[in-house]
Structure formats: structure tokens, C-alpha cells
Amino acid sequence: MTKAKTGYEFRPNDFIVYPAHGVGRITAVEEQEIAGISMELFVISFEKDKMTLRVPTAKATSVGMRSLSSPDIVEKALDTLKGRARVKKAMWSRRAQEYEQKINSGDLISIAEVVRDLHRNDDQREQSYSERQLYEAALERLTREVAAVDGVEEASAQSKIDAVLEARAAAA
């Protein structure tokens, strides 16, 4: 199969965001027969998770697969981190569900909101296990996308995000 045949917005070697898994890289577009039907699939590799996902090319946008955010969206996400945490007074189970939905939406601004709302400074109370899990999942998604957009290692993207969060803590 030739590259010229792929008339899609995604191409091999492109970084993409898959809502349920975060940032991945398209390694190939291949033809596969599934249940007697020939399908064209994007082969997406998620290096960090050591996972490969195959998505039918016709379904890519309907499942929420998208290109990386633009640099100005990344800036808006980092600005979101600077804001005050907006924690609703709802029960934790309800809030946790909302946070989970935001993380799995694949929307960078929503993910940044979760990081902002769940971030704890050293002098604040401890996080529960589930709070910590959601925070780390959101932070990892945010870090991976910032790193991919800026074309840097995850460690330097993490430093950039930490600096924003520390500056917010100092201003509070």
C-alpha cells in the first residue's frame, strides 16, 4: 500500500491524540481482513505503554482521534494551570467521574483543569489514593502532549508544567 493512497488528515509518523490513551504515533496504514471484510487501519504505537492500537481509518475522527494541539492551545492549557482550583462541593465519587471524563475526552484544556484542581502543594492535606491516580493520569497526558507539541523530552515538559504549578502556589 502506498502513502499516496491515504487521503486522510493523518499520515504515518504523525503524532496523534487518542482520547482514551493519550499521545501516540501512527506507525503505518495497513489493509487487514476482519470477519471477511477488508478494512484499512491506522496502526498507532503508544511507546510508553508498550501498546499498539489499530483504528479503522473511516472511524478515526468519530472515535475522537485528533492531531496534536496547536502551540496556542498548549499555552491556554498552561494558563489554565495558573488559575484557582475549582473544586465542586459534590461527593467525591461524582467528582471523580467528572475528572475521569475530562481526562478521557482528550481535550488538553479539560485535562489541564483536572491537573489544576487536583494539584496539592507540600503544605496541603494528603491526596487519597484515587485522587492521586486521577492526578497522575491527567498530568501524564498533559506532559506527553506538551512534550510532543514542543518537540522536547517528557522530562523538560514536566519541568515546564512543574514551574507553572509552583508559581501558582507561590502566588497563592
C-alpha atoms as a PDB file:
ATOM      1  CA  MET A   1       0.000   0.000   0.000  1.00  0.00           C
ATOM      2  CA  THR A   2       1.405   3.382  -0.949  1.00  0.00           C
ATOM      3  CA  LYS A   3       1.383   6.544   1.126  1.00  0.00           C
ATOM      4  CA  ALA A   4      -0.312   8.395  -1.721  1.00  0.00           C
ATOM      5  CA  LYS A   5      -3.442   6.305  -1.192  1.00  0.00           C
ATOM      6  CA  THR A   6      -4.034   7.687   2.309  1.00  0.00           C
ATOM      7  CA  GLY A   7      -6.239  10.689   1.681  1.00  0.00           C
ATOM      8  CA  TYR A   8      -6.675  11.285   5.399  1.00  0.00           C
ATOM      9  CA  GLU A   9      -5.583  14.034   7.704  1.00  0.00           C
ATOM     10  CA  PHE A  10      -3.297  11.544   9.495  1.00  0.00           C
ATOM     11  CA  ARG A  11      -0.151  10.073   7.975  1.00  0.00           C
ATOM     12  CA  PRO A  12       2.483   7.571   9.121  1.00  0.00           C
ATOM     13  CA  ASN A  13       4.922   9.095  11.655  1.00  0.00           C
ATOM     14  CA  ASP A  14       2.360  11.723  12.740  1.00  0.00           C
ATOM     15  CA  PHE A  15       1.787  12.143  16.442  1.00  0.00           C
ATOM     16  CA  ILE A  16      -1.901  11.932  17.295  1.00  0.00           C
ATOM     17  CA  VAL A  17      -4.046  12.041  20.425  1.00  0.00           C
ATOM     18  CA  TYR A  18      -6.360   9.122  21.048  1.00  0.00           C
ATOM     19  CA  PRO A  19      -8.802  10.160  23.816  1.00  0.00           C
ATOM     20  CA  ALA A  20      -8.620   7.007  25.926  1.00  0.00           C
ATOM     21  CA  HIS A  21      -4.831   6.575  25.663  1.00  0.00           C
ATOM     22  CA  GLY A  22      -3.224   9.968  25.063  1.00  0.00           C
ATOM     23  CA  VAL A  23      -0.386  10.716  22.645  1.00  0.00           C
ATOM     24  CA  GLY A  24       0.637   8.021  20.172  1.00  0.00           C
ATOM     25  CA  ARG A  25       2.422   7.826  16.838  1.00  0.00           C
ATOM     26  CA  ILE A  26       0.972   6.390  13.641  1.00  0.00           C
ATOM     27  CA  THR A  27       3.457   3.765  12.511  1.00  0.00           C
ATOM     28  CA  ALA A  28       1.609   2.559   9.405  1.00  0.00           C
ATOM     29  CA  VAL A  29      -1.634   2.376   7.461  1.00  0.00           C
ATOM     30  CA  GLU A  30      -2.415  -1.229   6.630  1.00  0.00           C
ATOM     31  CA  GLU A  31      -5.092  -3.304   4.964  1.00  0.00           C
ATOM     32  CA  GLN A  32      -6.498  -6.149   7.061  1.00  0.00           C
ATOM     33  CA  GLU A  33      -9.321  -8.613   6.606  1.00  0.00           C
ATOM     34  CA  ILE A  34     -11.647  -8.758   9.605  1.00  0.00           C
ATOM     35  CA  ALA A  35     -14.662 -11.089   9.556  1.00  0.00           C
ATOM     36  CA  GLY A  36     -14.393 -11.353   5.774  1.00  0.00           C
ATOM     37  CA  ILE A  37     -14.392  -7.583   5.276  1.00  0.00           C
ATOM     38  CA  SER A  38     -11.285  -5.804   4.049  1.00  0.00           C
ATOM     39  CA  MET A  39     -10.502  -2.741   6.194  1.00  0.00           C
ATOM     40  CA  GLU A  40      -7.884  -0.034   6.117  1.00  0.00           C
ATOM     41  CA  LEU A  41      -6.426   0.606   9.575  1.00  0.00           C
ATOM     42  CA  PHE A  42      -4.166   3.147  11.240  1.00  0.00           C
ATOM     43  CA  VAL A  43      -1.548   1.328  13.315  1.00  0.00           C
ATOM     44  CA  ILE A  44      -0.839   3.523  16.339  1.00  0.00           C
ATOM     45  CA  SER A  45       2.014   2.898  18.743  1.00  0.00           C
ATOM     46  CA  PHE A  46       1.953   4.130  22.334  1.00  0.00           C
ATOM     47  CA  GLU A  47       5.635   3.698  23.263  1.00  0.00           C
ATOM     48  CA  LYS A  48       5.288   4.497  26.957  1.00  0.00           C
ATOM     49  CA  ASP A  49       2.501   1.946  27.445  1.00  0.00           C
ATOM     50  CA  LYS A  50       4.109  -0.602  25.103  1.00  0.00           C
ATOM     51  CA  MET A  51       0.801  -0.821  23.295  1.00  0.00           C
ATOM     52  CA  THR A  52      -0.271  -0.914  19.658  1.00  0.00           C
ATOM     53  CA  LEU A  53      -3.761   0.091  18.610  1.00  0.00           C
ATOM     54  CA  ARG A  54      -5.412  -0.440  15.238  1.00  0.00           C
ATOM     55  CA  VAL A  55      -8.144   2.025  14.322  1.00  0.00           C
ATOM     56  CA  PRO A  56     -10.214   1.786  11.122  1.00  0.00           C
ATOM     57  CA  THR A  57      -9.332   4.831   9.017  1.00  0.00           C
ATOM     58  CA  ALA A  58     -13.033   5.517   8.422  1.00  0.00           C
ATOM     59  CA  LYS A  59     -13.677   5.683  12.190  1.00  0.00           C
ATOM     60  CA  ALA A  60     -10.641   7.724  13.255  1.00  0.00           C
ATOM     61  CA  THR A  61     -12.392  11.061  13.707  1.00  0.00           C
ATOM     62  CA  SER A  62     -15.630   9.579  15.070  1.00  0.00           C
ATOM     63  CA  VAL A  63     -13.719   7.906  17.939  1.00  0.00           C
ATOM     64  CA  GLY A  64     -12.170  11.271  18.768  1.00  0.00           C
ATOM     65  CA  MET A  65      -8.680  10.738  17.341  1.00  0.00           C
ATOM     66  CA  ARG A  66      -7.107  14.125  16.652  1.00  0.00           C
ATOM     67  CA  SER A  67      -3.876  15.821  15.712  1.00  0.00           C
ATOM     68  CA  LEU A  68      -1.696  17.319  18.428  1.00  0.00           C
ATOM     69  CA  SER A  69      -2.887  20.608  19.876  1.00  0.00           C
ATOM     70  CA  SER A  70      -1.504  23.796  18.396  1.00  0.00           C
ATOM     71  CA  PRO A  71       1.105  25.738  20.422  1.00  0.00           C
ATOM     72  CA  ASP A  72      -1.515  28.362  21.361  1.00  0.00           C
ATOM     73  CA  ILE A  73      -3.798  25.640  22.799  1.00  0.00           C
ATOM     74  CA  VAL A  74      -0.813  24.409  24.837  1.00  0.00           C
ATOM     75  CA  GLU A  75      -0.361  27.990  26.109  1.00  0.00           C
ATOM     76  CA  LYS A  76      -4.063  28.147  27.061  1.00  0.00           C
ATOM     77  CA  ALA A  77      -3.684  24.833  28.896  1.00  0.00           C
ATOM     78  CA  LEU A  78      -0.676  26.175  30.817  1.00  0.00           C
ATOM     79  CA  ASP A  79      -2.646  29.355  31.609  1.00  0.00           C
ATOM     80  CA  THR A  80      -5.443  27.124  32.915  1.00  0.00           C
ATOM     81  CA  LEU A  81      -2.943  25.638  35.380  1.00  0.00           C
ATOM     82  CA  LYS A  82      -2.297  29.134  36.756  1.00  0.00           C
ATOM     83  CA  GLY A  83      -5.951  29.601  37.744  1.00  0.00           C
ATOM     84  CA  ARG A  84      -7.558  28.845  41.083  1.00  0.00           C
ATOM     85  CA  ALA A  85      -8.660  25.273  41.673  1.00  0.00           C
ATOM     86  CA  ARG A  86     -12.395  24.948  41.137  1.00  0.00           C
ATOM     87  CA  VAL A  87     -13.441  22.050  43.307  1.00  0.00           C
ATOM     88  CA  LYS A  88     -17.159  21.416  43.390  1.00  0.00           C
ATOM     89  CA  LYS A  89     -18.836  20.502  46.660  1.00  0.00           C
ATOM     90  CA  ALA A  90     -20.254  17.294  45.163  1.00  0.00           C
ATOM     91  CA  MET A  91     -19.432  13.870  46.569  1.00  0.00           C
ATOM     92  CA  TRP A  92     -16.007  12.518  45.632  1.00  0.00           C
ATOM     93  CA  SER A  93     -17.455   9.679  43.534  1.00  0.00           C
ATOM     94  CA  ARG A  94     -19.324  12.203  41.359  1.00  0.00           C
ATOM     95  CA  ARG A  95     -16.278  14.493  41.043  1.00  0.00           C
ATOM     96  CA  ALA A  96     -14.010  11.517  40.272  1.00  0.00           C
ATOM     97  CA  GLN A  97     -16.366  10.504  37.474  1.00  0.00           C
ATOM     98  CA  GLU A  98     -16.253  14.029  36.017  1.00  0.00           C
ATOM     99  CA  TYR A  99     -12.445  14.121  36.240  1.00  0.00           C
ATOM    100  CA  GLU A 100     -12.249  10.723  34.514  1.00  0.00           C
ATOM    101  CA  GLN A 101     -14.487  12.003  31.701  1.00  0.00           C
ATOM    102  CA  LYS A 102     -12.326  15.104  31.268  1.00  0.00           C
ATOM    103  CA  ILE A 103      -9.139  13.019  31.107  1.00  0.00           C
ATOM    104  CA  ASN A 104     -10.641  10.607  28.565  1.00  0.00           C
ATOM    105  CA  SER A 105     -12.119  13.425  26.463  1.00  0.00           C
ATOM    106  CA  GLY A 106      -8.660  14.005  25.020  1.00  0.00           C
ATOM    107  CA  ASP A 107      -9.217  17.776  25.303  1.00  0.00           C
ATOM    108  CA  LEU A 108      -5.983  19.383  26.531  1.00  0.00           C
ATOM    109  CA  ILE A 109      -7.722  22.263  28.339  1.00  0.00           C
ATOM    110  CA  SER A 110     -10.010  19.832  30.218  1.00  0.00           C
ATOM    111  CA  ILE A 111      -7.001  17.714  31.188  1.00  0.00           C
ATOM    112  CA  ALA A 112      -5.218  20.847  32.448  1.00  0.00           C
ATOM    113  CA  GLU A 113      -8.317  21.667  34.556  1.00  0.00           C
ATOM    114  CA  VAL A 114      -8.044  18.256  36.244  1.00  0.00           C
ATOM    115  CA  VAL A 115      -4.329  18.812  36.962  1.00  0.00           C
ATOM    116  CA  ARG A 116      -5.100  22.283  38.358  1.00  0.00           C
ATOM    117  CA  ASP A 117      -7.986  21.074  40.535  1.00  0.00           C
ATOM    118  CA  LEU A 118      -6.163  18.036  41.949  1.00  0.00           C
ATOM    119  CA  HIS A 119      -2.678  19.556  42.383  1.00  0.00           C
ATOM    120  CA  ARG A 120      -1.530  19.652  46.006  1.00  0.00           C
ATOM    121  CA  ASN A 121       1.257  21.789  47.419  1.00  0.00           C
ATOM    122  CA  ASP A 122       3.535  20.364  50.095  1.00  0.00           C
ATOM    123  CA  ASP A 123       1.670  22.221  52.851  1.00  0.00           C
ATOM    124  CA  GLN A 124      -1.776  20.950  51.822  1.00  0.00           C
ATOM    125  CA  ARG A 125      -3.504  17.804  53.022  1.00  0.00           C
ATOM    126  CA  GLU A 126      -2.594  14.434  51.551  1.00  0.00           C
ATOM    127  CA  GLN A 127      -4.422  13.130  48.496  1.00  0.00           C
ATOM    128  CA  SER A 128      -6.458   9.952  48.655  1.00  0.00           C
ATOM    129  CA  TYR A 129      -5.262   7.056  46.512  1.00  0.00           C
ATOM    130  CA  SER A 130      -7.955   7.605  43.858  1.00  0.00           C
ATOM    131  CA  GLU A 131      -7.293  11.358  43.809  1.00  0.00           C
ATOM    132  CA  ARG A 132      -3.593  10.693  43.285  1.00  0.00           C
ATOM    133  CA  GLN A 133      -4.321   8.193  40.473  1.00  0.00           C
ATOM    134  CA  LEU A 134      -6.502  10.694  38.602  1.00  0.00           C
ATOM    135  CA  TYR A 135      -3.986  13.498  39.139  1.00  0.00           C
ATOM    136  CA  GLU A 136      -1.105  11.398  37.831  1.00  0.00           C
ATOM    137  CA  ALA A 137      -3.117  10.200  34.805  1.00  0.00           C
ATOM    138  CA  ALA A 138      -4.041  13.790  33.891  1.00  0.00           C
ATOM    139  CA  LEU A 139      -0.506  15.063  34.499  1.00  0.00           C
ATOM    140  CA  GLU A 140       0.964  12.304  32.325  1.00  0.00           C
ATOM    141  CA  ARG A 141      -1.425  13.073  29.426  1.00  0.00           C
ATOM    142  CA  LEU A 142      -0.690  16.798  29.704  1.00  0.00           C
ATOM    143  CA  THR A 143       3.077  16.217  29.890  1.00  0.00           C
ATOM    144  CA  ARG A 144       3.136  13.878  26.882  1.00  0.00           C
ATOM    145  CA  GLU A 145       1.200  16.277  24.676  1.00  0.00           C
ATOM    146  CA  VAL A 146       3.221  19.339  25.744  1.00  0.00           C
ATOM    147  CA  ALA A 147       6.424  17.367  25.031  1.00  0.00           C
ATOM    148  CA  ALA A 148       5.185  16.241  21.596  1.00  0.00           C
ATOM    149  CA  VAL A 149       3.991  19.734  20.599  1.00  0.00           C
ATOM    150  CA  ASP A 150       7.201  21.427  21.823  1.00  0.00           C
ATOM    151  CA  GLY A 151       9.356  18.655  20.338  1.00  0.00           C
ATOM    152  CA  VAL A 152      11.169  18.087  23.645  1.00  0.00           C
ATOM    153  CA  GLU A 153      11.732  15.215  26.057  1.00  0.00           C
ATOM    154  CA  GLU A 154       8.982  14.484  28.572  1.00  0.00           C
ATOM    155  CA  ALA A 155      11.295  15.464  31.433  1.00  0.00           C
ATOM    156  CA  SER A 156      11.641  19.048  30.177  1.00  0.00           C
ATOM    157  CA  ALA A 157       7.886  19.286  29.515  1.00  0.00           C
ATOM    158  CA  GLN A 158       7.361  18.049  33.094  1.00  0.00           C
ATOM    159  CA  SER A 159       9.725  20.768  34.372  1.00  0.00           C
ATOM    160  CA  LYS A 160       7.790  23.409  32.428  1.00  0.00           C
ATOM    161  CA  ILE A 161       4.478  22.243  33.963  1.00  0.00           C
ATOM    162  CA  ASP A 162       6.006  21.994  37.461  1.00  0.00           C
ATOM    163  CA  ALA A 163       7.303  25.568  37.150  1.00  0.00           C
ATOM    164  CA  VAL A 164       3.787  26.816  36.327  1.00  0.00           C
ATOM    165  CA  LEU A 165       2.257  24.897  39.242  1.00  0.00           C
ATOM    166  CA  GLU A 166       4.963  26.126  41.673  1.00  0.00           C
ATOM    167  CA  ALA A 167       4.490  29.723  40.519  1.00  0.00           C
ATOM    168  CA  ARG A 168       0.756  29.383  41.203  1.00  0.00           C
ATOM    169  CA  ALA A 169       1.480  28.003  44.675  1.00  0.00           C
ATOM    170  CA  ALA A 170       3.874  30.887  45.416  1.00  0.00           C
ATOM    171  CA  ALA A 171       1.287  33.460  44.313  1.00  0.00           C
ATOM    172  CA  ALA A 172      -1.451  31.957  46.488  1.00  0.00           C
END
